[in-house]
Amino acid sequence: MFVSVTLSLLQGFWGTFKLFSLTLVFALPLGLLISLGSMSRLRVVSYPLKFLIWVIRGTPLLLQLLIFYYGPGILFGTNIWGSGDAGRFIAALVSFVINYACYFSEIYRGGIQSIPVGQYEAGYVLGMSKGEIFRKVVLLQVIKRIVPPMANEIITLVKDTSLARVIAVYEIIWNGQKFIKSEGIIWPLFYTGVFYLVFSGLLTVLFDRLEKKLDYFR
């Protein structure tokens, strides 16, 4: 029984890992774009993005999953995500990407605005363009400063992936719960915690090493 449960949870963890990985792939660059847009002097750009960040950060991710998945069908009378498991996964992925991109954008913004103005001015004196200053002077320092809060959000993402089951996306918690109905046992659901702890532990070690490599900015 233990072996069969472990294999089933590993299958569920693959769904969790896919959702986690793809969310990072898309949310990290999107978050930077949203951050830069929210700091833009053009109000037509910054105000809508600030409003989006306010809405996303002010509402539960669980509710956002339901709105993104069921909303288009209610409003337009059609399921834009497609049918089956793939459609539900895409809806969950879009929800997670938008949610975490907004959170990441605020971390990026805090890191960018923490750089002293004098460093920008020094770059201009040296004849560097805004793009060169950002890439060669600001960006590496921003990365150093945002690693701790970004690591916290990424580890939170590991656990938040369990919310995807609300729209029947198959992940590790879903696979753990099914044993309650099929076998009448609950311990596989608790066993899923081991997978989360191991994965979060590996990420913690990875980010600790990254912080040490960035110590040259001290």
N, C-alpha and C. Protein backbone atom coordinates (compact mmCIF):
# COMPACT_ATOMS: atom_id res chain seq x y z
N MET A 1 0.83 -1.21 0.00
CA MET A 1 0.00 0.00 0.00
C MET A 1 0.87 1.26 0.00
N PHE A 2 1.93 1.25 0.83
CA PHE A 2 2.79 2.43 0.92
C PHE A 2 3.43 2.75 -0.43
N VAL A 3 3.88 1.72 -1.13
CA VAL A 3 4.52 1.94 -2.43
C VAL A 3 3.53 2.49 -3.44
N SER A 4 2.33 1.92 -3.49
CA SER A 4 1.33 2.38 -4.45
C SER A 4 0.90 3.82 -4.14
N VAL A 5 0.80 4.16 -2.86
CA VAL A 5 0.45 5.53 -2.48
C VAL A 5 1.57 6.49 -2.89
N THR A 6 2.80 6.09 -2.64
CA THR A 6 3.94 6.94 -3.00
C THR A 6 3.99 7.19 -4.50
N LEU A 7 3.78 6.16 -5.30
CA LEU A 7 3.78 6.32 -6.75
C LEU A 7 2.66 7.24 -7.20
N SER A 8 1.49 7.12 -6.59
CA SER A 8 0.37 7.98 -6.94
C SER A 8 0.66 9.43 -6.58
N LEU A 9 1.26 9.64 -5.41
CA LEU A 9 1.60 11.01 -4.99
C LEU A 9 2.70 11.60 -5.87
N LEU A 10 3.60 10.76 -6.33
CA LEU A 10 4.64 11.25 -7.25
C LEU A 10 4.01 11.73 -8.56
N GLN A 11 2.99 11.02 -9.03
CA GLN A 11 2.27 11.46 -10.23
C GLN A 11 1.61 12.81 -9.98
N GLY A 12 1.00 12.94 -8.80
CA GLY A 12 0.37 14.21 -8.46
C GLY A 12 1.39 15.32 -8.30
N PHE A 13 2.55 14.97 -7.75
CA PHE A 13 3.60 15.98 -7.57
C PHE A 13 4.12 16.49 -8.90
N TRP A 14 4.08 15.65 -9.92
CA TRP A 14 4.50 16.11 -11.25
C TRP A 14 3.59 17.24 -11.72
N GLY A 15 2.29 17.13 -11.47
CA GLY A 15 1.37 18.22 -11.81
C GLY A 15 1.68 19.47 -11.01
N THR A 16 2.00 19.29 -9.72
CA THR A 16 2.38 20.42 -8.88
C THR A 16 3.64 21.09 -9.40
N PHE A 17 4.62 20.27 -9.76
CA PHE A 17 5.91 20.81 -10.24
C PHE A 17 5.74 21.55 -11.56
N LYS A 18 4.91 21.03 -12.47
CA LYS A 18 4.68 21.70 -13.74
C LYS A 18 4.04 23.07 -13.53
N LEU A 19 3.04 23.11 -12.67
CA LEU A 19 2.37 24.39 -12.40
C LEU A 19 3.33 25.37 -11.75
N PHE A 20 4.13 24.90 -10.83
CA PHE A 20 5.12 25.75 -10.15
C PHE A 20 6.15 26.29 -11.14
N SER A 21 6.71 25.41 -11.94
CA SER A 21 7.80 25.80 -12.86
C SER A 21 7.30 26.78 -13.93
N LEU A 22 6.18 26.45 -14.55
CA LEU A 22 5.67 27.31 -15.61
C LEU A 22 5.22 28.67 -15.07
N THR A 23 4.71 28.69 -13.85
CA THR A 23 4.34 29.96 -13.24
C THR A 23 5.56 30.86 -13.10
N LEU A 24 6.67 30.30 -12.65
CA LEU A 24 7.90 31.10 -12.52
C LEU A 24 8.42 31.56 -13.87
N VAL A 25 8.39 30.68 -14.86
CA VAL A 25 8.91 31.02 -16.18
C VAL A 25 8.20 32.26 -16.75
N PHE A 26 6.91 32.34 -16.55
CA PHE A 26 6.14 33.45 -17.11
C PHE A 26 5.97 34.62 -16.14
N ALA A 27 5.85 34.35 -14.86
CA ALA A 27 5.55 35.41 -13.89
C ALA A 27 6.77 36.29 -13.58
N LEU A 28 7.97 35.72 -13.59
CA LEU A 28 9.15 36.52 -13.28
C LEU A 28 9.38 37.65 -14.30
N PRO A 29 9.42 37.36 -15.60
CA PRO A 29 9.59 38.47 -16.56
C PRO A 29 8.36 39.37 -16.63
N LEU A 30 7.15 38.80 -16.53
CA LEU A 30 5.94 39.62 -16.56
C LEU A 30 5.90 40.57 -15.37
N GLY A 31 6.34 40.08 -14.22
CA GLY A 31 6.37 40.94 -13.04
C GLY A 31 7.29 42.14 -13.22
N LEU A 32 8.43 41.92 -13.89
CA LEU A 32 9.35 43.04 -14.15
C LEU A 32 8.71 44.05 -15.08
N LEU A 33 8.02 43.58 -16.11
CA LEU A 33 7.35 44.50 -17.03
C LEU A 33 6.26 45.30 -16.31
N ILE A 34 5.48 44.61 -15.48
CA ILE A 34 4.43 45.31 -14.74
C ILE A 34 5.04 46.33 -13.79
N SER A 35 6.17 45.98 -13.17
CA SER A 35 6.84 46.89 -12.26
C SER A 35 7.30 48.16 -12.98
N LEU A 36 7.96 47.96 -14.11
CA LEU A 36 8.43 49.12 -14.89
C LEU A 36 7.26 49.96 -15.37
N GLY A 37 6.17 49.30 -15.78
CA GLY A 37 5.00 50.04 -16.23
C GLY A 37 4.34 50.82 -15.10
N SER A 38 4.28 50.23 -13.91
CA SER A 38 3.65 50.92 -12.78
C SER A 38 4.46 52.12 -12.31
N MET A 39 5.75 52.14 -12.64
CA MET A 39 6.60 53.28 -12.29
C MET A 39 6.71 54.30 -13.42
N SER A 40 6.03 54.02 -14.51
CA SER A 40 6.08 54.92 -15.66
C SER A 40 5.46 56.27 -15.32
N ARG A 41 5.99 57.32 -15.96
CA ARG A 41 5.43 58.66 -15.77
C ARG A 41 4.15 58.85 -16.57
N LEU A 42 3.89 57.92 -17.49
CA LEU A 42 2.65 57.99 -18.28
C LEU A 42 1.51 57.41 -17.45
N ARG A 43 0.58 58.25 -17.04
CA ARG A 43 -0.51 57.79 -16.19
C ARG A 43 -1.40 56.76 -16.87
N VAL A 44 -1.52 56.88 -18.19
CA VAL A 44 -2.35 55.94 -18.92
C VAL A 44 -1.78 54.53 -18.84
N VAL A 45 -0.50 54.42 -18.53
CA VAL A 45 0.16 53.13 -18.37
C VAL A 45 0.21 52.72 -16.90
N SER A 46 0.64 53.65 -16.05
CA SER A 46 0.87 53.31 -14.64
C SER A 46 -0.42 53.10 -13.85
N TYR A 47 -1.45 53.90 -14.09
CA TYR A 47 -2.68 53.79 -13.29
C TYR A 47 -3.41 52.46 -13.47
N PRO A 48 -3.60 52.00 -14.73
CA PRO A 48 -4.26 50.69 -14.88
C PRO A 48 -3.47 49.55 -14.25
N LEU A 49 -2.13 49.62 -14.35
CA LEU A 49 -1.31 48.56 -13.76
C LEU A 49 -1.35 48.61 -12.23
N LYS A 50 -1.36 49.80 -11.67
CA LYS A 50 -1.48 49.92 -10.21
C LYS A 50 -2.84 49.40 -9.75
N PHE A 51 -3.87 49.65 -10.54
CA PHE A 51 -5.20 49.15 -10.19
C PHE A 51 -5.22 47.62 -10.25
N LEU A 52 -4.59 47.06 -11.28
CA LEU A 52 -4.51 45.60 -11.40
C LEU A 52 -3.79 45.00 -10.20
N ILE A 53 -2.67 45.59 -9.82
CA ILE A 53 -1.91 45.09 -8.66
C ILE A 53 -2.76 45.15 -7.40
N TRP A 54 -3.49 46.25 -7.23
CA TRP A 54 -4.35 46.42 -6.06
C TRP A 54 -5.43 45.34 -5.99
N VAL A 55 -6.05 45.07 -7.14
CA VAL A 55 -7.12 44.06 -7.19
C VAL A 55 -6.56 42.67 -6.91
N ILE A 56 -5.47 42.33 -7.57
CA ILE A 56 -4.89 40.98 -7.42
C ILE A 56 -4.39 40.76 -6.00
N ARG A 57 -3.73 41.73 -5.43
CA ARG A 57 -3.19 41.57 -4.07
C ARG A 57 -4.28 41.66 -3.01
N GLY A 58 -5.41 42.23 -3.37
CA GLY A 58 -6.47 42.42 -2.40
C GLY A 58 -7.55 41.35 -2.40
N THR A 59 -7.42 40.37 -3.30
CA THR A 59 -8.41 39.30 -3.37
C THR A 59 -7.71 37.94 -3.26
N PRO A 60 -8.40 36.93 -2.74
CA PRO A 60 -7.77 35.61 -2.57
C PRO A 60 -7.47 34.94 -3.90
N LEU A 61 -6.37 34.22 -3.94
CA LEU A 61 -6.02 33.47 -5.14
C LEU A 61 -7.08 32.42 -5.46
N LEU A 62 -7.67 31.85 -4.43
CA LEU A 62 -8.74 30.86 -4.65
C LEU A 62 -9.88 31.46 -5.45
N LEU A 63 -10.28 32.68 -5.09
CA LEU A 63 -11.36 33.36 -5.81
C LEU A 63 -10.93 33.69 -7.24
N GLN A 64 -9.69 34.08 -7.42
CA GLN A 64 -9.20 34.40 -8.76
C GLN A 64 -9.21 33.17 -9.66
N LEU A 65 -8.87 32.02 -9.11
CA LEU A 65 -8.92 30.78 -9.88
C LEU A 65 -10.34 30.52 -10.39
N LEU A 66 -11.31 30.68 -9.53
CA LEU A 66 -12.70 30.45 -9.91
C LEU A 66 -13.16 31.46 -10.96
N ILE A 67 -12.77 32.71 -10.79
CA ILE A 67 -13.17 33.75 -11.75
C ILE A 67 -12.55 33.51 -13.11
N PHE A 68 -11.26 33.20 -13.13
CA PHE A 68 -10.58 32.99 -14.41
C PHE A 68 -11.13 31.77 -15.14
N TYR A 69 -11.46 30.73 -14.38
CA TYR A 69 -11.92 29.50 -15.04
C TYR A 69 -13.38 29.59 -15.46
N TYR A 70 -14.23 30.06 -14.55
CA TYR A 70 -15.67 30.08 -14.85
C TYR A 70 -16.15 31.41 -15.44
N GLY A 71 -15.40 32.48 -15.21
CA GLY A 71 -15.83 33.80 -15.66
C GLY A 71 -16.10 33.92 -17.15
N PRO A 72 -15.16 33.49 -18.02
CA PRO A 72 -15.41 33.61 -19.47
C PRO A 72 -16.67 32.87 -19.91
N GLY A 73 -16.93 31.71 -19.33
CA GLY A 73 -18.13 30.95 -19.68
C GLY A 73 -19.40 31.67 -19.28
N ILE A 74 -19.36 32.32 -18.11
CA ILE A 74 -20.53 33.06 -17.63
C ILE A 74 -20.76 34.31 -18.47
N LEU A 75 -19.67 35.01 -18.80
CA LEU A 75 -19.80 36.27 -19.54
C LEU A 75 -20.07 36.07 -21.03
N PHE A 76 -19.37 35.13 -21.63
CA PHE A 76 -19.42 34.98 -23.08
C PHE A 76 -20.12 33.70 -23.53
N GLY A 77 -20.47 32.85 -22.59
CA GLY A 77 -21.18 31.63 -22.94
C GLY A 77 -20.32 30.58 -23.61
N THR A 78 -19.01 30.69 -23.45
CA THR A 78 -18.12 29.70 -24.06
C THR A 78 -16.89 29.48 -23.18
N ASN A 79 -16.37 28.28 -23.19
CA ASN A 79 -15.17 27.95 -22.42
C ASN A 79 -13.94 28.23 -23.26
N ILE A 80 -13.26 29.33 -22.97
CA ILE A 80 -12.10 29.73 -23.78
C ILE A 80 -10.87 28.87 -23.50
N TRP A 81 -10.89 28.13 -22.41
CA TRP A 81 -9.71 27.37 -22.01
C TRP A 81 -9.61 26.01 -22.69
N GLY A 82 -10.67 25.55 -23.28
CA GLY A 82 -10.66 24.22 -23.85
C GLY A 82 -11.16 23.20 -22.84
N SER A 83 -11.46 22.03 -23.31
CA SER A 83 -12.04 21.00 -22.45
C SER A 83 -10.97 20.10 -21.86
N GLY A 84 -11.37 19.35 -20.84
CA GLY A 84 -10.49 18.34 -20.27
C GLY A 84 -9.45 18.90 -19.32
N ASP A 85 -8.51 18.02 -18.98
CA ASP A 85 -7.47 18.38 -18.01
C ASP A 85 -6.60 19.53 -18.51
N ALA A 86 -6.30 19.54 -19.80
CA ALA A 86 -5.42 20.57 -20.36
C ALA A 86 -6.05 21.95 -20.21
N GLY A 87 -7.34 22.06 -20.45
CA GLY A 87 -8.02 23.35 -20.33
C GLY A 87 -8.01 23.86 -18.91
N ARG A 88 -8.27 22.96 -17.95
CA ARG A 88 -8.25 23.38 -16.55
C ARG A 88 -6.84 23.79 -16.11
N PHE A 89 -5.84 23.08 -16.61
CA PHE A 89 -4.46 23.41 -16.24
C PHE A 89 -4.08 24.79 -16.79
N ILE A 90 -4.47 25.08 -18.03
CA ILE A 90 -4.15 26.38 -18.63
C ILE A 90 -4.81 27.51 -17.84
N ALA A 91 -6.06 27.31 -17.44
CA ALA A 91 -6.77 28.32 -16.65
C ALA A 91 -6.06 28.56 -15.32
N ALA A 92 -5.64 27.47 -14.69
CA ALA A 92 -4.93 27.60 -13.41
C ALA A 92 -3.60 28.31 -13.62
N LEU A 93 -2.89 27.96 -14.70
CA LEU A 93 -1.60 28.57 -14.97
C LEU A 93 -1.74 30.08 -15.19
N VAL A 94 -2.73 30.49 -15.97
CA VAL A 94 -2.95 31.92 -16.22
C VAL A 94 -3.24 32.64 -14.91
N SER A 95 -4.06 32.03 -14.07
CA SER A 95 -4.39 32.63 -12.78
C SER A 95 -3.15 32.81 -11.92
N PHE A 96 -2.34 31.77 -11.84
CA PHE A 96 -1.13 31.83 -11.02
C PHE A 96 -0.13 32.84 -11.58
N VAL A 97 0.04 32.87 -12.89
CA VAL A 97 1.00 33.78 -13.50
C VAL A 97 0.62 35.23 -13.21
N ILE A 98 -0.63 35.59 -13.42
CA ILE A 98 -1.07 36.97 -13.17
C ILE A 98 -0.95 37.32 -11.69
N ASN A 99 -1.35 36.40 -10.83
CA ASN A 99 -1.28 36.65 -9.39
C ASN A 99 0.15 36.89 -8.94
N TYR A 100 1.03 35.97 -9.29
CA TYR A 100 2.41 36.09 -8.81
C TYR A 100 3.19 37.18 -9.53
N ALA A 101 2.84 37.47 -10.77
CA ALA A 101 3.50 38.57 -11.47
C ALA A 101 3.24 39.89 -10.75
N CYS A 102 2.04 40.06 -10.23
CA CYS A 102 1.71 41.28 -9.49
C CYS A 102 2.48 41.37 -8.18
N TYR A 103 2.61 40.24 -7.49
CA TYR A 103 3.40 40.24 -6.25
C TYR A 103 4.88 40.47 -6.55
N PHE A 104 5.38 39.80 -7.59
CA PHE A 104 6.78 39.99 -7.96
C PHE A 104 7.05 41.44 -8.38
N SER A 105 6.07 42.06 -9.04
CA SER A 105 6.26 43.43 -9.51
C SER A 105 6.53 44.39 -8.36
N GLU A 106 5.87 44.17 -7.23
CA GLU A 106 6.09 45.03 -6.07
C GLU A 106 7.47 44.78 -5.46
N ILE A 107 7.93 43.55 -5.52
CA ILE A 107 9.27 43.25 -5.03
C ILE A 107 10.31 43.90 -5.94
N TYR A 108 10.10 43.78 -7.25
CA TYR A 108 10.99 44.46 -8.21
C TYR A 108 11.00 45.96 -7.96
N ARG A 109 9.82 46.54 -7.79
CA ARG A 109 9.71 47.99 -7.60
C ARG A 109 10.48 48.44 -6.36
N GLY A 110 10.32 47.69 -5.27
CA GLY A 110 11.04 48.03 -4.06
C GLY A 110 12.55 47.95 -4.25
N GLY A 111 13.00 46.93 -4.99
CA GLY A 111 14.42 46.79 -5.23
C GLY A 111 14.97 47.90 -6.11
N ILE A 112 14.25 48.25 -7.16
CA ILE A 112 14.70 49.29 -8.08
C ILE A 112 14.74 50.65 -7.39
N GLN A 113 13.72 50.95 -6.62
CA GLN A 113 13.65 52.26 -5.97
C GLN A 113 14.60 52.37 -4.79
N SER A 114 15.17 51.25 -4.35
CA SER A 114 16.12 51.29 -3.24
C SER A 114 17.52 51.69 -3.68
N ILE A 115 17.76 51.70 -4.98
CA ILE A 115 19.08 52.08 -5.50
C ILE A 115 19.23 53.60 -5.38
N PRO A 116 20.30 54.07 -4.78
CA PRO A 116 20.50 55.53 -4.61
C PRO A 116 20.49 56.27 -5.95
N VAL A 117 19.89 57.44 -5.93
CA VAL A 117 19.80 58.26 -7.15
C VAL A 117 21.18 58.61 -7.67
N GLY A 118 22.14 58.73 -6.76
CA GLY A 118 23.49 59.10 -7.16
C GLY A 118 24.12 58.14 -8.14
N GLN A 119 23.71 56.88 -8.09
CA GLN A 119 24.28 55.91 -9.02
C GLN A 119 23.75 56.13 -10.43
N TYR A 120 22.50 56.55 -10.54
CA TYR A 120 21.96 56.90 -11.85
C TYR A 120 22.70 58.13 -12.40
N GLU A 121 22.88 59.11 -11.53
CA GLU A 121 23.54 60.35 -11.96
C GLU A 121 24.98 60.08 -12.39
N ALA A 122 25.65 59.19 -11.66
CA ALA A 122 27.03 58.84 -12.04
C ALA A 122 27.06 58.19 -13.41
N GLY A 123 26.06 57.37 -13.69
CA GLY A 123 25.98 56.72 -15.00
C GLY A 123 25.78 57.74 -16.11
N TYR A 124 24.94 58.74 -15.86
CA TYR A 124 24.71 59.77 -16.87
C TYR A 124 25.98 60.57 -17.12
N VAL A 125 26.73 60.85 -16.05
CA VAL A 125 27.98 61.59 -16.18
C VAL A 125 28.97 60.82 -17.05
N LEU A 126 28.95 59.49 -16.94
CA LEU A 126 29.86 58.65 -17.72
C LEU A 126 29.37 58.44 -19.16
N GLY A 127 28.24 59.03 -19.48
CA GLY A 127 27.73 58.94 -20.84
C GLY A 127 26.90 57.70 -21.12
N MET A 128 26.45 57.03 -20.10
CA MET A 128 25.66 55.81 -20.28
C MET A 128 24.19 56.17 -20.52
N SER A 129 23.52 55.35 -21.32
CA SER A 129 22.09 55.55 -21.56
C SER A 129 21.29 54.97 -20.39
N LYS A 130 19.98 55.23 -20.37
CA LYS A 130 19.14 54.69 -19.30
C LYS A 130 19.16 53.16 -19.30
N GLY A 131 19.12 52.59 -20.50
CA GLY A 131 19.15 51.14 -20.61
C GLY A 131 20.46 50.55 -20.10
N GLU A 132 21.57 51.19 -20.43
CA GLU A 132 22.88 50.71 -19.97
C GLU A 132 23.01 50.83 -18.46
N ILE A 133 22.51 51.92 -17.90
CA ILE A 133 22.56 52.09 -16.45
C ILE A 133 21.76 51.00 -15.76
N PHE A 134 20.58 50.71 -16.32
CA PHE A 134 19.73 49.70 -15.70
C PHE A 134 20.39 48.32 -15.77
N ARG A 135 20.95 47.98 -16.93
CA ARG A 135 21.54 46.65 -17.12
C ARG A 135 22.86 46.47 -16.38
N LYS A 136 23.73 47.48 -16.45
CA LYS A 136 25.09 47.33 -15.96
C LYS A 136 25.31 47.83 -14.52
N VAL A 137 24.44 48.72 -14.06
CA VAL A 137 24.62 49.30 -12.73
C VAL A 137 23.54 48.86 -11.75
N VAL A 138 22.30 48.94 -12.19
CA VAL A 138 21.17 48.75 -11.28
C VAL A 138 20.78 47.28 -11.11
N LEU A 139 20.69 46.56 -12.23
CA LEU A 139 20.07 45.24 -12.22
C LEU A 139 20.72 44.26 -11.25
N LEU A 140 22.05 44.16 -11.26
CA LEU A 140 22.72 43.20 -10.38
C LEU A 140 22.50 43.55 -8.91
N GLN A 141 22.48 44.83 -8.60
CA GLN A 141 22.24 45.25 -7.22
C GLN A 141 20.79 44.95 -6.81
N VAL A 142 19.88 45.12 -7.75
CA VAL A 142 18.47 44.82 -7.48
C VAL A 142 18.30 43.34 -7.19
N ILE A 143 18.96 42.50 -7.99
CA ILE A 143 18.87 41.04 -7.80
C ILE A 143 19.32 40.67 -6.39
N LYS A 144 20.42 41.26 -5.95
CA LYS A 144 20.93 40.98 -4.60
C LYS A 144 19.88 41.34 -3.54
N ARG A 145 19.22 42.47 -3.72
CA ARG A 145 18.30 42.96 -2.69
C ARG A 145 16.95 42.25 -2.69
N ILE A 146 16.57 41.70 -3.85
CA ILE A 146 15.24 41.09 -3.92
C ILE A 146 15.26 39.58 -3.70
N VAL A 147 16.44 38.98 -3.61
CA VAL A 147 16.49 37.52 -3.46
C VAL A 147 15.74 37.04 -2.22
N PRO A 148 15.94 37.62 -1.02
CA PRO A 148 15.21 37.12 0.16
C PRO A 148 13.68 37.20 0.04
N PRO A 149 13.11 38.38 -0.32
CA PRO A 149 11.64 38.41 -0.46
C PRO A 149 11.14 37.57 -1.62
N MET A 150 11.91 37.49 -2.70
CA MET A 150 11.51 36.68 -3.84
C MET A 150 11.53 35.20 -3.47
N ALA A 151 12.52 34.80 -2.70
CA ALA A 151 12.59 33.40 -2.25
C ALA A 151 11.38 33.05 -1.40
N ASN A 152 10.97 33.98 -0.56
CA ASN A 152 9.80 33.75 0.29
C ASN A 152 8.55 33.54 -0.55
N GLU A 153 8.37 34.37 -1.58
CA GLU A 153 7.19 34.24 -2.45
C GLU A 153 7.23 32.94 -3.25
N ILE A 154 8.41 32.55 -3.70
CA ILE A 154 8.53 31.33 -4.50
C ILE A 154 8.24 30.10 -3.66
N ILE A 155 8.70 30.10 -2.42
CA ILE A 155 8.38 28.97 -1.53
C ILE A 155 6.89 28.95 -1.21
N THR A 156 6.29 30.13 -1.09
CA THR A 156 4.83 30.20 -0.89
C THR A 156 4.10 29.63 -2.10
N LEU A 157 4.64 29.87 -3.29
CA LEU A 157 4.04 29.34 -4.51
C LEU A 157 3.97 27.82 -4.48
N VAL A 158 5.00 27.18 -3.92
CA VAL A 158 5.00 25.71 -3.83
C VAL A 158 3.72 25.24 -3.15
N LYS A 159 3.36 25.89 -2.04
CA LYS A 159 2.18 25.49 -1.28
C LYS A 159 0.89 25.96 -1.93
N ASP A 160 0.93 27.12 -2.57
CA ASP A 160 -0.29 27.65 -3.20
C ASP A 160 -0.77 26.80 -4.37
N THR A 161 0.13 26.03 -4.97
CA THR A 161 -0.29 25.19 -6.09
C THR A 161 -1.41 24.22 -5.70
N SER A 162 -1.52 23.93 -4.41
CA SER A 162 -2.57 23.03 -3.94
C SER A 162 -3.97 23.61 -4.16
N LEU A 163 -4.05 24.94 -4.31
CA LEU A 163 -5.35 25.58 -4.53
C LEU A 163 -5.93 25.24 -5.90
N ALA A 164 -5.08 24.78 -6.82
CA ALA A 164 -5.54 24.48 -8.17
C ALA A 164 -6.57 23.36 -8.20
N ARG A 165 -6.62 22.58 -7.13
CA ARG A 165 -7.59 21.48 -7.09
C ARG A 165 -9.03 21.98 -7.06
N VAL A 166 -9.23 23.28 -6.74
CA VAL A 166 -10.59 23.81 -6.68
C VAL A 166 -11.25 23.81 -8.06
N ILE A 167 -10.44 23.80 -9.12
CA ILE A 167 -10.99 23.68 -10.47
C ILE A 167 -10.59 22.33 -11.09
N ALA A 168 -10.36 21.36 -10.20
CA ALA A 168 -10.09 19.96 -10.59
C ALA A 168 -8.81 19.80 -11.39
N VAL A 169 -7.79 20.57 -11.06
CA VAL A 169 -6.47 20.36 -11.63
C VAL A 169 -5.77 19.30 -10.77
N TYR A 170 -5.28 18.27 -11.41
CA TYR A 170 -4.69 17.15 -10.67
C TYR A 170 -3.29 17.50 -10.19
N GLU A 171 -3.17 17.64 -8.88
CA GLU A 171 -1.88 17.88 -8.25
C GLU A 171 -1.78 16.97 -7.04
N ILE A 172 -0.77 17.14 -6.22
CA ILE A 172 -0.47 16.15 -5.20
C ILE A 172 -1.56 16.04 -4.12
N ILE A 173 -2.16 17.16 -3.73
CA ILE A 173 -3.22 17.10 -2.72
C ILE A 173 -4.43 16.35 -3.27
N TRP A 174 -4.74 16.59 -4.53
CA TRP A 174 -5.86 15.88 -5.18
C TRP A 174 -5.63 14.37 -5.11
N ASN A 175 -4.40 13.97 -5.44
CA ASN A 175 -4.09 12.54 -5.42
C ASN A 175 -4.11 11.98 -4.00
N GLY A 176 -3.76 12.79 -3.02
CA GLY A 176 -3.82 12.34 -1.65
C GLY A 176 -5.24 12.19 -1.15
N GLN A 177 -6.12 13.11 -1.57
CA GLN A 177 -7.50 13.07 -1.13
C GLN A 177 -8.28 11.89 -1.69
N LYS A 178 -7.92 11.46 -2.87
CA LYS A 178 -8.70 10.41 -3.52
C LYS A 178 -8.67 9.09 -2.75
N PHE A 179 -7.64 8.90 -1.92
CA PHE A 179 -7.56 7.67 -1.13
C PHE A 179 -8.59 7.64 -0.01
N ILE A 180 -9.09 8.82 0.36
CA ILE A 180 -10.12 8.87 1.40
C ILE A 180 -11.39 8.21 0.89
N LYS A 181 -11.74 8.49 -0.37
CA LYS A 181 -12.95 7.92 -0.95
C LYS A 181 -12.74 6.49 -1.43
N SER A 182 -11.60 6.24 -2.05
CA SER A 182 -11.40 4.92 -2.67
C SER A 182 -11.00 3.84 -1.66
N GLU A 183 -10.17 4.22 -0.68
CA GLU A 183 -9.65 3.22 0.26
C GLU A 183 -10.10 3.45 1.70
N GLY A 184 -10.69 4.61 1.96
CA GLY A 184 -11.12 4.92 3.32
C GLY A 184 -9.98 5.22 4.28
N ILE A 185 -8.85 5.66 3.74
CA ILE A 185 -7.69 5.99 4.58
C ILE A 185 -7.32 7.45 4.37
N ILE A 186 -6.84 8.10 5.43
CA ILE A 186 -6.53 9.53 5.36
C ILE A 186 -5.04 9.83 5.40
N TRP A 187 -4.23 8.85 5.81
CA TRP A 187 -2.80 9.14 5.97
C TRP A 187 -2.10 9.56 4.69
N PRO A 188 -2.53 9.12 3.46
CA PRO A 188 -1.87 9.63 2.26
C PRO A 188 -1.97 11.15 2.11
N LEU A 189 -3.08 11.72 2.62
CA LEU A 189 -3.23 13.17 2.55
C LEU A 189 -2.18 13.85 3.42
N PHE A 190 -1.92 13.31 4.60
CA PHE A 190 -0.88 13.86 5.46
C PHE A 190 0.51 13.60 4.89
N TYR A 191 0.64 12.49 4.20
CA TYR A 191 1.91 12.11 3.59
C TYR A 191 2.36 13.13 2.54
N THR A 192 1.40 13.81 1.92
CA THR A 192 1.77 14.83 0.92
C THR A 192 2.65 15.92 1.52
N GLY A 193 2.51 16.15 2.83
CA GLY A 193 3.32 17.17 3.48
C GLY A 193 4.81 16.90 3.37
N VAL A 194 5.20 15.62 3.31
CA VAL A 194 6.61 15.26 3.16
C VAL A 194 7.15 15.78 1.84
N PHE A 195 6.36 15.67 0.78
CA PHE A 195 6.79 16.14 -0.54
C PHE A 195 6.98 17.66 -0.54
N TYR A 196 6.03 18.37 0.08
CA TYR A 196 6.16 19.82 0.16
C TYR A 196 7.38 20.23 0.98
N LEU A 197 7.63 19.52 2.09
CA LEU A 197 8.77 19.86 2.93
C LEU A 197 10.10 19.63 2.21
N VAL A 198 10.19 18.54 1.50
CA VAL A 198 11.43 18.24 0.77
C VAL A 198 11.66 19.26 -0.34
N PHE A 199 10.62 19.56 -1.10
CA PHE A 199 10.76 20.51 -2.20
C PHE A 199 11.10 21.90 -1.67
N SER A 200 10.41 22.33 -0.62
CA SER A 200 10.68 23.65 -0.03
C SER A 200 12.09 23.69 0.56
N GLY A 201 12.53 22.56 1.15
CA GLY A 201 13.87 22.50 1.70
C GLY A 201 14.94 22.65 0.63
N LEU A 202 14.74 22.00 -0.50
CA LEU A 202 15.70 22.12 -1.61
C LEU A 202 15.76 23.56 -2.13
N LEU A 203 14.61 24.20 -2.22
CA LEU A 203 14.58 25.59 -2.67
C LEU A 203 15.27 26.50 -1.67
N THR A 204 15.08 26.23 -0.39
CA THR A 204 15.72 27.03 0.64
C THR A 204 17.24 26.95 0.53
N VAL A 205 17.76 25.73 0.35
CA VAL A 205 19.21 25.55 0.18
C VAL A 205 19.70 26.28 -1.07
N LEU A 206 18.93 26.19 -2.16
CA LEU A 206 19.31 26.84 -3.41
C LEU A 206 19.40 28.35 -3.24
N PHE A 207 18.41 28.94 -2.58
CA PHE A 207 18.41 30.40 -2.40
C PHE A 207 19.48 30.84 -1.41
N ASP A 208 19.78 30.02 -0.42
CA ASP A 208 20.87 30.35 0.51
C ASP A 208 22.19 30.43 -0.23
N ARG A 209 22.42 29.48 -1.13
CA ARG A 209 23.66 29.49 -1.91
C ARG A 209 23.71 30.70 -2.85
N LEU A 210 22.55 31.04 -3.41
CA LEU A 210 22.50 32.20 -4.30
C LEU A 210 22.82 33.48 -3.54
N GLU A 211 22.30 33.61 -2.34
CA GLU A 211 22.59 34.79 -1.53
C GLU A 211 24.07 34.89 -1.23
N LYS A 212 24.71 33.76 -0.94
CA LYS A 212 26.14 33.77 -0.64
C LYS A 212 26.95 34.18 -1.86
N LYS A 213 26.51 33.75 -3.04
CA LYS A 213 27.23 34.12 -4.26
C LYS A 213 27.10 35.61 -4.57
N LEU A 214 26.03 36.22 -4.07
CA LEU A 214 25.81 37.64 -4.31
C LEU A 214 26.38 38.52 -3.20
N ASP A 215 27.16 37.92 -2.30
CA ASP A 215 27.72 38.67 -1.18
C ASP A 215 28.75 39.70 -1.61
N TYR A 216 29.21 39.64 -2.83
CA TYR A 216 30.23 40.59 -3.27
C TYR A 216 29.71 42.01 -3.35
N PHE A 217 28.37 42.19 -3.22
CA PHE A 217 27.82 43.54 -3.23
C PHE A 217 27.89 44.20 -1.86
N ARG A 218 28.30 43.46 -0.82
CA ARG A 218 28.39 44.04 0.52
C ARG A 218 29.59 44.97 0.63
